[in-house]
Amino acid sequence: MEAEYVDIVDVVGSGLSSDQSGYNLIYGDGTQAQKDLGWSSGYYVGYTYTTEFKLDFVFKADKATTATIIIRLGSELGDIMLTPDNFEVSLNGTPINYAAMTIQNSESMAKMKFEDKTLTSNASLLQGENTISVRILDNDLRGSTTGGPTIDCVKIRTDAILRYTENTDNPANRGSI
């Protein structure tokens, strides 16, 4: 599930030099060159440097089952260490207790490099609607102020059939709110 294609209208963010919200959290132009950098659809979500940032990936499963949850992240803040204490990822309201993970620095927003990080291999999906929420908690990832990773997508490996709504027009709506 692409971060830039979720319902992002009411999401609030902050960056190194500006604050953004809604569609304007999306970075990229969807070009082949950006896809070649590893941006799964040529876009990603940035401006995660505030405790007000929360992104919900909502999907439906055709049955209750277990799943592996992987998140694809990058950083422009140098090498950062993410833990459940500074970067919360929850499934249906319950935080996932993942192992600490290091996200390596990228040269710039335009040359963002992403890494797949497995959060859990035994998540319990519900039959019907499920929500994976990503939330920035109070931290010092930017020295003395709150920081966060850039977010490309969430991947779910399971034997269930998953369905979700992709708002693929989100990037085209930048600047409209």
N, C-alpha and C. Protein backbone atom coordinates (compact mmCIF):
# COMPACT_ATOMS: atom_id res chain seq x y z
N MET A 1 0.85 -1.16 0.00
CA MET A 1 0.00 0.00 0.00
C MET A 1 0.90 1.23 0.00
N GLU A 2 0.75 2.04 -1.01
CA GLU A 2 1.57 3.24 -1.18
C GLU A 2 1.15 4.33 -0.19
N ALA A 3 2.11 4.93 0.50
CA ALA A 3 1.81 5.99 1.46
C ALA A 3 1.11 7.17 0.79
N GLU A 4 1.52 7.48 -0.42
CA GLU A 4 0.95 8.65 -1.11
C GLU A 4 -0.46 8.41 -1.63
N TYR A 5 -0.94 7.17 -1.59
CA TYR A 5 -2.28 6.85 -2.10
C TYR A 5 -3.30 6.60 -1.00
N VAL A 6 -2.93 6.74 0.29
CA VAL A 6 -3.90 6.59 1.36
C VAL A 6 -4.69 7.89 1.52
N ASP A 7 -5.72 7.87 2.36
CA ASP A 7 -6.48 9.09 2.63
C ASP A 7 -5.59 10.02 3.45
N ILE A 8 -5.09 11.03 2.79
CA ILE A 8 -4.06 11.90 3.36
C ILE A 8 -4.56 13.33 3.61
N VAL A 9 -5.80 13.59 3.28
CA VAL A 9 -6.34 14.95 3.30
C VAL A 9 -6.13 15.66 4.64
N ASP A 10 -6.37 14.98 5.76
CA ASP A 10 -6.30 15.63 7.07
C ASP A 10 -4.99 15.39 7.81
N VAL A 11 -3.98 14.85 7.13
CA VAL A 11 -2.70 14.58 7.78
C VAL A 11 -1.87 15.87 7.82
N VAL A 12 -1.28 16.13 9.00
CA VAL A 12 -0.47 17.33 9.22
C VAL A 12 0.98 16.93 9.32
N GLY A 13 1.86 17.71 8.68
CA GLY A 13 3.28 17.40 8.72
C GLY A 13 4.15 18.63 8.84
N SER A 14 5.43 18.36 9.09
CA SER A 14 6.43 19.42 9.20
C SER A 14 7.74 18.88 8.64
N GLY A 15 8.51 19.75 8.01
CA GLY A 15 9.79 19.35 7.42
C GLY A 15 10.94 20.15 8.00
N LEU A 16 12.08 20.10 7.32
CA LEU A 16 13.26 20.84 7.78
C LEU A 16 13.07 22.34 7.62
N SER A 17 12.39 22.74 6.53
CA SER A 17 12.28 24.18 6.26
C SER A 17 10.84 24.66 6.06
N SER A 18 9.86 23.76 6.09
CA SER A 18 8.47 24.20 5.92
C SER A 18 7.52 23.18 6.51
N ASP A 19 6.30 23.63 6.75
CA ASP A 19 5.23 22.75 7.19
C ASP A 19 4.35 22.47 5.99
N GLN A 20 3.81 21.26 5.92
CA GLN A 20 2.91 20.87 4.84
C GLN A 20 1.78 20.05 5.45
N SER A 21 0.73 19.87 4.68
CA SER A 21 -0.36 19.00 5.11
C SER A 21 -1.04 18.43 3.87
N GLY A 22 -1.87 17.43 4.13
CA GLY A 22 -2.65 16.85 3.05
C GLY A 22 -1.80 16.38 1.88
N TYR A 23 -2.29 16.66 0.69
CA TYR A 23 -1.61 16.22 -0.53
C TYR A 23 -0.18 16.74 -0.65
N ASN A 24 0.10 17.87 -0.01
CA ASN A 24 1.41 18.50 -0.13
C ASN A 24 2.50 17.79 0.68
N LEU A 25 2.14 16.70 1.37
CA LEU A 25 3.12 15.86 2.04
C LEU A 25 3.82 14.94 1.04
N ILE A 26 3.28 14.85 -0.17
CA ILE A 26 3.79 13.92 -1.19
C ILE A 26 4.97 14.55 -1.92
N TYR A 27 6.04 13.76 -2.05
CA TYR A 27 7.22 14.20 -2.76
C TYR A 27 7.40 13.30 -3.98
N GLY A 28 7.81 13.88 -5.09
CA GLY A 28 8.11 13.13 -6.29
C GLY A 28 7.19 13.50 -7.44
N ASP A 29 7.56 13.01 -8.61
CA ASP A 29 6.79 13.30 -9.83
C ASP A 29 6.33 12.04 -10.54
N GLY A 30 6.60 10.87 -9.97
CA GLY A 30 6.17 9.62 -10.59
C GLY A 30 6.96 9.24 -11.82
N THR A 31 8.16 9.79 -11.97
CA THR A 31 8.97 9.52 -13.18
C THR A 31 9.63 8.15 -13.09
N GLN A 32 10.04 7.65 -14.22
CA GLN A 32 10.76 6.38 -14.26
C GLN A 32 12.08 6.50 -13.50
N ALA A 33 12.74 7.64 -13.59
CA ALA A 33 13.99 7.84 -12.87
C ALA A 33 13.77 7.72 -11.36
N GLN A 34 12.66 8.24 -10.85
CA GLN A 34 12.36 8.13 -9.43
C GLN A 34 12.01 6.69 -9.06
N LYS A 35 11.29 6.01 -9.92
CA LYS A 35 11.01 4.59 -9.68
C LYS A 35 12.31 3.79 -9.68
N ASP A 36 13.23 4.16 -10.56
CA ASP A 36 14.53 3.48 -10.62
C ASP A 36 15.35 3.70 -9.35
N LEU A 37 15.09 4.79 -8.63
CA LEU A 37 15.74 5.04 -7.33
C LEU A 37 15.20 4.11 -6.24
N GLY A 38 14.06 3.45 -6.52
CA GLY A 38 13.45 2.56 -5.55
C GLY A 38 12.18 3.12 -4.93
N TRP A 39 11.71 4.26 -5.42
CA TRP A 39 10.44 4.79 -4.94
C TRP A 39 9.37 3.97 -5.65
N SER A 40 8.64 3.15 -4.93
CA SER A 40 7.84 2.11 -5.56
C SER A 40 6.83 2.61 -6.59
N SER A 41 6.34 3.81 -6.47
CA SER A 41 5.46 4.33 -7.52
C SER A 41 5.94 5.69 -8.03
N GLY A 42 7.15 6.07 -7.64
CA GLY A 42 7.71 7.34 -8.07
C GLY A 42 7.36 8.50 -7.15
N TYR A 43 6.79 8.19 -5.99
CA TYR A 43 6.42 9.19 -4.98
C TYR A 43 6.72 8.62 -3.60
N TYR A 44 6.72 9.49 -2.60
CA TYR A 44 6.75 9.06 -1.21
C TYR A 44 6.18 10.17 -0.35
N VAL A 45 5.99 9.90 0.94
CA VAL A 45 5.47 10.89 1.88
C VAL A 45 6.60 11.33 2.80
N GLY A 46 6.76 12.64 2.90
CA GLY A 46 7.75 13.25 3.79
C GLY A 46 7.07 14.14 4.80
N TYR A 47 7.80 15.09 5.34
CA TYR A 47 7.28 16.06 6.32
C TYR A 47 6.75 15.36 7.57
N THR A 48 7.52 14.41 8.07
CA THR A 48 7.10 13.62 9.23
C THR A 48 7.71 14.12 10.53
N TYR A 49 8.14 15.37 10.57
CA TYR A 49 8.89 15.87 11.72
C TYR A 49 8.01 16.56 12.76
N THR A 50 6.90 15.94 13.09
CA THR A 50 6.00 16.47 14.10
C THR A 50 5.21 15.34 14.75
N THR A 51 4.90 15.51 16.03
CA THR A 51 4.08 14.51 16.72
C THR A 51 2.63 14.56 16.25
N GLU A 52 2.29 15.53 15.43
CA GLU A 52 0.94 15.59 14.86
C GLU A 52 0.79 14.66 13.65
N PHE A 53 1.90 14.10 13.16
CA PHE A 53 1.87 13.26 11.96
C PHE A 53 1.37 11.86 12.30
N LYS A 54 0.30 11.46 11.59
CA LYS A 54 -0.25 10.10 11.71
C LYS A 54 -0.82 9.72 10.35
N LEU A 55 -0.44 8.56 9.87
CA LEU A 55 -0.88 8.08 8.57
C LEU A 55 -1.54 6.72 8.76
N ASP A 56 -2.74 6.54 8.20
CA ASP A 56 -3.49 5.30 8.34
C ASP A 56 -3.58 4.56 7.01
N PHE A 57 -3.18 3.30 7.03
CA PHE A 57 -3.31 2.40 5.89
C PHE A 57 -4.49 1.48 6.20
N VAL A 58 -5.62 1.71 5.55
CA VAL A 58 -6.84 0.97 5.82
C VAL A 58 -7.06 -0.05 4.70
N PHE A 59 -7.32 -1.29 5.10
CA PHE A 59 -7.53 -2.35 4.12
C PHE A 59 -8.49 -3.39 4.69
N LYS A 60 -9.01 -4.22 3.83
CA LYS A 60 -9.91 -5.30 4.24
C LYS A 60 -9.28 -6.64 3.90
N ALA A 61 -9.47 -7.61 4.80
CA ALA A 61 -9.00 -8.97 4.59
C ALA A 61 -10.22 -9.88 4.48
N ASP A 62 -10.14 -10.86 3.59
CA ASP A 62 -11.28 -11.75 3.39
C ASP A 62 -11.43 -12.78 4.50
N LYS A 63 -10.40 -12.89 5.38
CA LYS A 63 -10.47 -13.82 6.50
C LYS A 63 -9.52 -13.38 7.59
N ALA A 64 -9.75 -13.87 8.80
CA ALA A 64 -8.82 -13.64 9.90
C ALA A 64 -7.63 -14.57 9.71
N THR A 65 -6.43 -14.04 9.83
CA THR A 65 -5.22 -14.83 9.59
C THR A 65 -4.01 -14.08 10.14
N THR A 66 -2.84 -14.64 9.93
CA THR A 66 -1.61 -13.96 10.32
C THR A 66 -0.93 -13.36 9.09
N ALA A 67 -0.03 -12.42 9.34
CA ALA A 67 0.63 -11.72 8.24
C ALA A 67 2.00 -11.22 8.67
N THR A 68 2.84 -11.01 7.68
CA THR A 68 4.11 -10.32 7.87
C THR A 68 3.90 -8.89 7.41
N ILE A 69 4.31 -7.93 8.24
CA ILE A 69 4.17 -6.51 7.91
C ILE A 69 5.56 -5.91 7.72
N ILE A 70 5.74 -5.30 6.55
CA ILE A 70 7.01 -4.69 6.16
C ILE A 70 6.74 -3.22 5.84
N ILE A 71 7.61 -2.35 6.29
CA ILE A 71 7.47 -0.93 5.97
C ILE A 71 8.73 -0.49 5.23
N ARG A 72 8.56 0.40 4.26
CA ARG A 72 9.66 0.87 3.41
C ARG A 72 9.92 2.33 3.77
N LEU A 73 11.11 2.60 4.35
CA LEU A 73 11.42 3.91 4.92
C LEU A 73 12.74 4.47 4.40
N GLY A 74 12.87 5.79 4.47
CA GLY A 74 14.11 6.49 4.13
C GLY A 74 14.37 7.58 5.17
N SER A 75 15.52 8.25 5.04
CA SER A 75 15.87 9.32 5.98
C SER A 75 16.69 10.39 5.28
N GLU A 76 16.40 11.64 5.62
CA GLU A 76 17.25 12.77 5.21
C GLU A 76 17.90 13.40 6.45
N LEU A 77 17.76 12.74 7.59
CA LEU A 77 18.26 13.28 8.86
C LEU A 77 19.58 12.66 9.29
N GLY A 78 20.24 11.95 8.41
CA GLY A 78 21.39 11.15 8.79
C GLY A 78 20.88 9.76 9.12
N ASP A 79 21.77 8.92 9.62
CA ASP A 79 21.34 7.59 10.05
C ASP A 79 20.49 7.77 11.30
N ILE A 80 19.29 7.21 11.29
CA ILE A 80 18.40 7.34 12.45
C ILE A 80 18.03 5.95 12.97
N MET A 81 17.82 5.86 14.28
CA MET A 81 17.42 4.63 14.93
C MET A 81 15.95 4.77 15.32
N LEU A 82 15.10 3.94 14.72
CA LEU A 82 13.69 3.96 15.04
C LEU A 82 13.36 2.83 16.01
N THR A 83 12.55 3.17 17.01
CA THR A 83 12.09 2.20 18.00
C THR A 83 10.61 2.46 18.24
N PRO A 84 9.91 1.53 18.90
CA PRO A 84 8.51 1.78 19.24
C PRO A 84 8.32 3.00 20.14
N ASP A 85 9.39 3.51 20.75
CA ASP A 85 9.30 4.68 21.62
C ASP A 85 9.33 6.01 20.85
N ASN A 86 9.80 6.00 19.58
CA ASN A 86 9.84 7.26 18.82
C ASN A 86 9.08 7.19 17.50
N PHE A 87 8.74 5.97 17.05
CA PHE A 87 8.04 5.77 15.79
C PHE A 87 7.06 4.61 15.99
N GLU A 88 5.81 4.96 16.23
CA GLU A 88 4.81 3.94 16.53
C GLU A 88 4.15 3.42 15.26
N VAL A 89 4.10 2.10 15.15
CA VAL A 89 3.34 1.45 14.10
C VAL A 89 2.38 0.52 14.82
N SER A 90 1.09 0.70 14.56
CA SER A 90 0.10 -0.12 15.24
C SER A 90 -0.80 -0.82 14.22
N LEU A 91 -1.33 -1.95 14.64
CA LEU A 91 -2.30 -2.69 13.85
C LEU A 91 -3.59 -2.73 14.65
N ASN A 92 -4.62 -2.15 14.09
CA ASN A 92 -5.95 -2.11 14.74
C ASN A 92 -5.88 -1.56 16.16
N GLY A 93 -5.06 -0.52 16.32
CA GLY A 93 -4.97 0.18 17.60
C GLY A 93 -3.96 -0.39 18.58
N THR A 94 -3.36 -1.53 18.27
CA THR A 94 -2.38 -2.14 19.16
C THR A 94 -0.98 -1.93 18.60
N PRO A 95 -0.10 -1.23 19.35
CA PRO A 95 1.26 -1.00 18.85
C PRO A 95 2.00 -2.31 18.57
N ILE A 96 2.75 -2.32 17.48
CA ILE A 96 3.59 -3.46 17.13
C ILE A 96 4.92 -3.26 17.85
N ASN A 97 5.33 -4.25 18.62
CA ASN A 97 6.59 -4.17 19.36
C ASN A 97 7.71 -4.70 18.48
N TYR A 98 8.19 -3.87 17.57
CA TYR A 98 9.23 -4.28 16.63
C TYR A 98 10.62 -4.02 17.22
N ALA A 99 11.61 -4.70 16.67
CA ALA A 99 13.00 -4.49 17.09
C ALA A 99 13.50 -3.15 16.55
N ALA A 100 14.40 -2.52 17.28
CA ALA A 100 15.00 -1.26 16.83
C ALA A 100 15.57 -1.44 15.43
N MET A 101 15.40 -0.41 14.60
CA MET A 101 15.89 -0.49 13.22
C MET A 101 16.59 0.81 12.84
N THR A 102 17.69 0.67 12.13
CA THR A 102 18.44 1.82 11.66
C THR A 102 18.05 2.09 10.22
N ILE A 103 17.74 3.35 9.93
CA ILE A 103 17.46 3.80 8.57
C ILE A 103 18.65 4.66 8.16
N GLN A 104 19.27 4.30 7.06
CA GLN A 104 20.47 5.01 6.63
C GLN A 104 20.13 6.30 5.91
N ASN A 105 21.03 7.25 6.05
CA ASN A 105 20.88 8.58 5.46
C ASN A 105 20.87 8.53 3.93
N SER A 106 20.07 9.40 3.36
CA SER A 106 20.07 9.61 1.91
C SER A 106 20.74 10.95 1.64
N GLU A 107 21.25 11.10 0.45
CA GLU A 107 21.95 12.33 0.08
C GLU A 107 21.02 13.54 0.11
N SER A 108 19.78 13.35 -0.30
CA SER A 108 18.81 14.46 -0.35
C SER A 108 17.41 13.89 -0.56
N MET A 109 16.41 14.76 -0.45
CA MET A 109 15.03 14.35 -0.73
C MET A 109 14.92 13.81 -2.16
N ALA A 110 15.62 14.45 -3.10
CA ALA A 110 15.54 14.05 -4.51
C ALA A 110 16.26 12.74 -4.80
N LYS A 111 17.14 12.32 -3.89
CA LYS A 111 17.87 11.07 -4.09
C LYS A 111 17.59 10.10 -2.94
N MET A 112 16.36 10.15 -2.42
CA MET A 112 15.98 9.33 -1.28
C MET A 112 16.15 7.85 -1.59
N LYS A 113 16.78 7.14 -0.64
CA LYS A 113 16.95 5.70 -0.74
C LYS A 113 16.07 5.06 0.33
N PHE A 114 15.35 4.03 -0.07
CA PHE A 114 14.43 3.37 0.85
C PHE A 114 14.91 1.97 1.20
N GLU A 115 14.55 1.54 2.40
CA GLU A 115 14.88 0.21 2.89
C GLU A 115 13.61 -0.46 3.39
N ASP A 116 13.44 -1.73 3.04
CA ASP A 116 12.34 -2.53 3.59
C ASP A 116 12.74 -3.01 4.98
N LYS A 117 11.86 -2.80 5.95
CA LYS A 117 12.10 -3.25 7.31
C LYS A 117 10.90 -4.09 7.76
N THR A 118 11.17 -5.33 8.14
CA THR A 118 10.11 -6.21 8.63
C THR A 118 9.81 -5.84 10.08
N LEU A 119 8.55 -5.50 10.34
CA LEU A 119 8.14 -5.12 11.69
C LEU A 119 7.72 -6.33 12.50
N THR A 120 7.02 -7.27 11.86
CA THR A 120 6.55 -8.47 12.53
C THR A 120 6.23 -9.53 11.49
N SER A 121 6.36 -10.77 11.90
CA SER A 121 6.01 -11.90 11.03
C SER A 121 4.79 -12.64 11.53
N ASN A 122 4.16 -12.13 12.59
CA ASN A 122 2.99 -12.82 13.13
C ASN A 122 1.88 -11.86 13.54
N ALA A 123 1.59 -10.90 12.68
CA ALA A 123 0.50 -9.96 12.95
C ALA A 123 -0.83 -10.68 12.77
N SER A 124 -1.78 -10.37 13.61
CA SER A 124 -3.11 -10.97 13.52
C SER A 124 -4.07 -10.04 12.79
N LEU A 125 -4.40 -10.42 11.56
CA LEU A 125 -5.37 -9.64 10.78
C LEU A 125 -6.78 -10.08 11.14
N LEU A 126 -7.69 -9.13 11.13
CA LEU A 126 -9.10 -9.43 11.34
C LEU A 126 -9.77 -9.69 10.00
N GLN A 127 -10.81 -10.49 10.02
CA GLN A 127 -11.64 -10.57 8.82
C GLN A 127 -12.39 -9.25 8.73
N GLY A 128 -12.37 -8.63 7.57
CA GLY A 128 -12.99 -7.32 7.40
C GLY A 128 -11.93 -6.23 7.49
N GLU A 129 -12.34 -5.08 8.04
CA GLU A 129 -11.45 -3.91 8.03
C GLU A 129 -10.32 -4.01 9.05
N ASN A 130 -9.14 -3.58 8.61
CA ASN A 130 -7.93 -3.49 9.42
C ASN A 130 -7.28 -2.15 9.15
N THR A 131 -6.53 -1.64 10.13
CA THR A 131 -5.81 -0.38 9.95
C THR A 131 -4.41 -0.50 10.52
N ILE A 132 -3.44 -0.19 9.68
CA ILE A 132 -2.06 -0.02 10.15
C ILE A 132 -1.83 1.48 10.24
N SER A 133 -1.51 1.96 11.44
CA SER A 133 -1.27 3.38 11.66
C SER A 133 0.20 3.61 11.95
N VAL A 134 0.74 4.67 11.35
CA VAL A 134 2.12 5.09 11.56
C VAL A 134 2.05 6.45 12.23
N ARG A 135 2.72 6.58 13.37
CA ARG A 135 2.63 7.83 14.12
C ARG A 135 4.01 8.21 14.65
N ILE A 136 4.33 9.48 14.54
CA ILE A 136 5.58 10.00 15.08
C ILE A 136 5.35 10.38 16.54
N LEU A 137 6.18 9.84 17.41
CA LEU A 137 6.12 10.16 18.84
C LEU A 137 7.19 11.19 19.17
N ASP A 138 7.07 11.83 20.32
CA ASP A 138 8.05 12.81 20.76
C ASP A 138 9.43 12.15 20.76
N ASN A 139 10.42 12.81 20.12
CA ASN A 139 11.75 12.21 20.01
C ASN A 139 12.79 13.29 19.76
N ASP A 140 14.04 12.87 19.66
CA ASP A 140 15.13 13.81 19.38
C ASP A 140 15.91 13.38 18.14
N LEU A 141 15.21 12.84 17.15
CA LEU A 141 15.86 12.37 15.93
C LEU A 141 16.50 13.50 15.11
N ARG A 142 16.09 14.74 15.37
CA ARG A 142 16.69 15.91 14.69
C ARG A 142 17.55 16.69 15.66
N GLY A 143 18.17 16.02 16.58
CA GLY A 143 18.96 16.71 17.59
C GLY A 143 18.09 17.02 18.78
N SER A 144 17.59 18.24 18.86
CA SER A 144 16.74 18.60 20.00
C SER A 144 15.28 18.71 19.62
N THR A 145 14.93 18.37 18.38
CA THR A 145 13.53 18.46 17.96
C THR A 145 13.08 17.16 17.29
N THR A 146 11.79 17.01 17.16
CA THR A 146 11.18 15.80 16.64
C THR A 146 11.49 15.59 15.16
N GLY A 147 11.78 14.35 14.81
CA GLY A 147 12.02 13.96 13.43
C GLY A 147 11.33 12.65 13.12
N GLY A 148 11.42 12.25 11.88
CA GLY A 148 10.83 10.98 11.47
C GLY A 148 11.37 10.56 10.12
N PRO A 149 11.06 9.35 9.71
CA PRO A 149 11.52 8.86 8.41
C PRO A 149 10.60 9.32 7.29
N THR A 150 11.08 9.23 6.06
CA THR A 150 10.18 9.36 4.91
C THR A 150 9.56 7.98 4.69
N ILE A 151 8.34 7.96 4.15
CA ILE A 151 7.58 6.71 4.06
C ILE A 151 7.19 6.44 2.61
N ASP A 152 7.61 5.30 2.10
CA ASP A 152 7.27 4.91 0.74
C ASP A 152 6.01 4.05 0.72
N CYS A 153 5.99 2.96 1.49
CA CYS A 153 4.84 2.07 1.44
C CYS A 153 4.85 1.10 2.61
N VAL A 154 3.75 0.38 2.75
CA VAL A 154 3.62 -0.74 3.68
C VAL A 154 3.30 -1.96 2.84
N LYS A 155 3.98 -3.06 3.13
CA LYS A 155 3.75 -4.32 2.42
C LYS A 155 3.22 -5.35 3.42
N ILE A 156 2.26 -6.14 2.99
CA ILE A 156 1.69 -7.17 3.84
C ILE A 156 1.76 -8.50 3.09
N ARG A 157 2.38 -9.47 3.72
CA ARG A 157 2.43 -10.82 3.14
C ARG A 157 1.53 -11.73 3.97
N THR A 158 0.54 -12.31 3.30
CA THR A 158 -0.45 -13.13 3.99
C THR A 158 -1.14 -14.06 3.00
N ASP A 159 -1.87 -15.01 3.52
CA ASP A 159 -2.65 -15.89 2.65
C ASP A 159 -4.07 -15.35 2.43
N ALA A 160 -4.41 -14.25 3.06
CA ALA A 160 -5.73 -13.63 2.87
C ALA A 160 -5.74 -12.79 1.60
N ILE A 161 -6.90 -12.58 1.06
CA ILE A 161 -7.07 -11.64 -0.05
C ILE A 161 -7.31 -10.27 0.58
N LEU A 162 -6.48 -9.30 0.21
CA LEU A 162 -6.58 -7.95 0.76
C LEU A 162 -7.12 -7.00 -0.29
N ARG A 163 -7.92 -6.06 0.17
CA ARG A 163 -8.44 -5.02 -0.71
C ARG A 163 -8.29 -3.67 0.00
N TYR A 164 -7.92 -2.67 -0.77
CA TYR A 164 -7.83 -1.32 -0.23
C TYR A 164 -8.05 -0.34 -1.36
N THR A 165 -8.42 0.87 -0.98
CA THR A 165 -8.68 1.92 -1.94
C THR A 165 -7.41 2.72 -2.17
N GLU A 166 -6.96 2.77 -3.41
CA GLU A 166 -5.80 3.58 -3.78
C GLU A 166 -6.31 4.92 -4.31
N ASN A 167 -5.94 5.99 -3.65
CA ASN A 167 -6.29 7.32 -4.11
C ASN A 167 -5.18 7.81 -5.03
N THR A 168 -5.12 7.23 -6.22
CA THR A 168 -4.00 7.50 -7.14
C THR A 168 -4.00 8.93 -7.68
N ASP A 169 -5.08 9.66 -7.46
CA ASP A 169 -5.11 11.06 -7.89
C ASP A 169 -4.50 12.00 -6.84
N ASN A 170 -4.10 11.47 -5.68
CA ASN A 170 -3.52 12.33 -4.63
C ASN A 170 -2.36 13.20 -5.14
N PRO A 171 -1.35 12.63 -5.82
CA PRO A 171 -0.24 13.49 -6.27
C PRO A 171 -0.69 14.64 -7.17
N ALA A 172 -1.68 14.42 -7.99
CA ALA A 172 -2.17 15.47 -8.90
C ALA A 172 -2.89 16.59 -8.15
N ASN A 173 -3.31 16.32 -6.92
CA ASN A 173 -4.04 17.31 -6.12
C ASN A 173 -3.14 18.21 -5.29
N ARG A 174 -1.83 18.01 -5.38
CA ARG A 174 -0.93 18.88 -4.61
C ARG A 174 -1.14 20.33 -4.99
N GLY A 175 -1.11 21.18 -3.97
CA GLY A 175 -1.32 22.61 -4.19
C GLY A 175 -2.77 23.01 -4.21
N SER A 176 -3.70 22.01 -4.10
CA SER A 176 -5.12 22.34 -4.19
C SER A 176 -5.78 22.61 -2.85
N ILE A 177 -5.09 22.38 -1.74
CA ILE A 177 -5.70 22.68 -0.44
C ILE A 177 -4.81 23.60 0.35
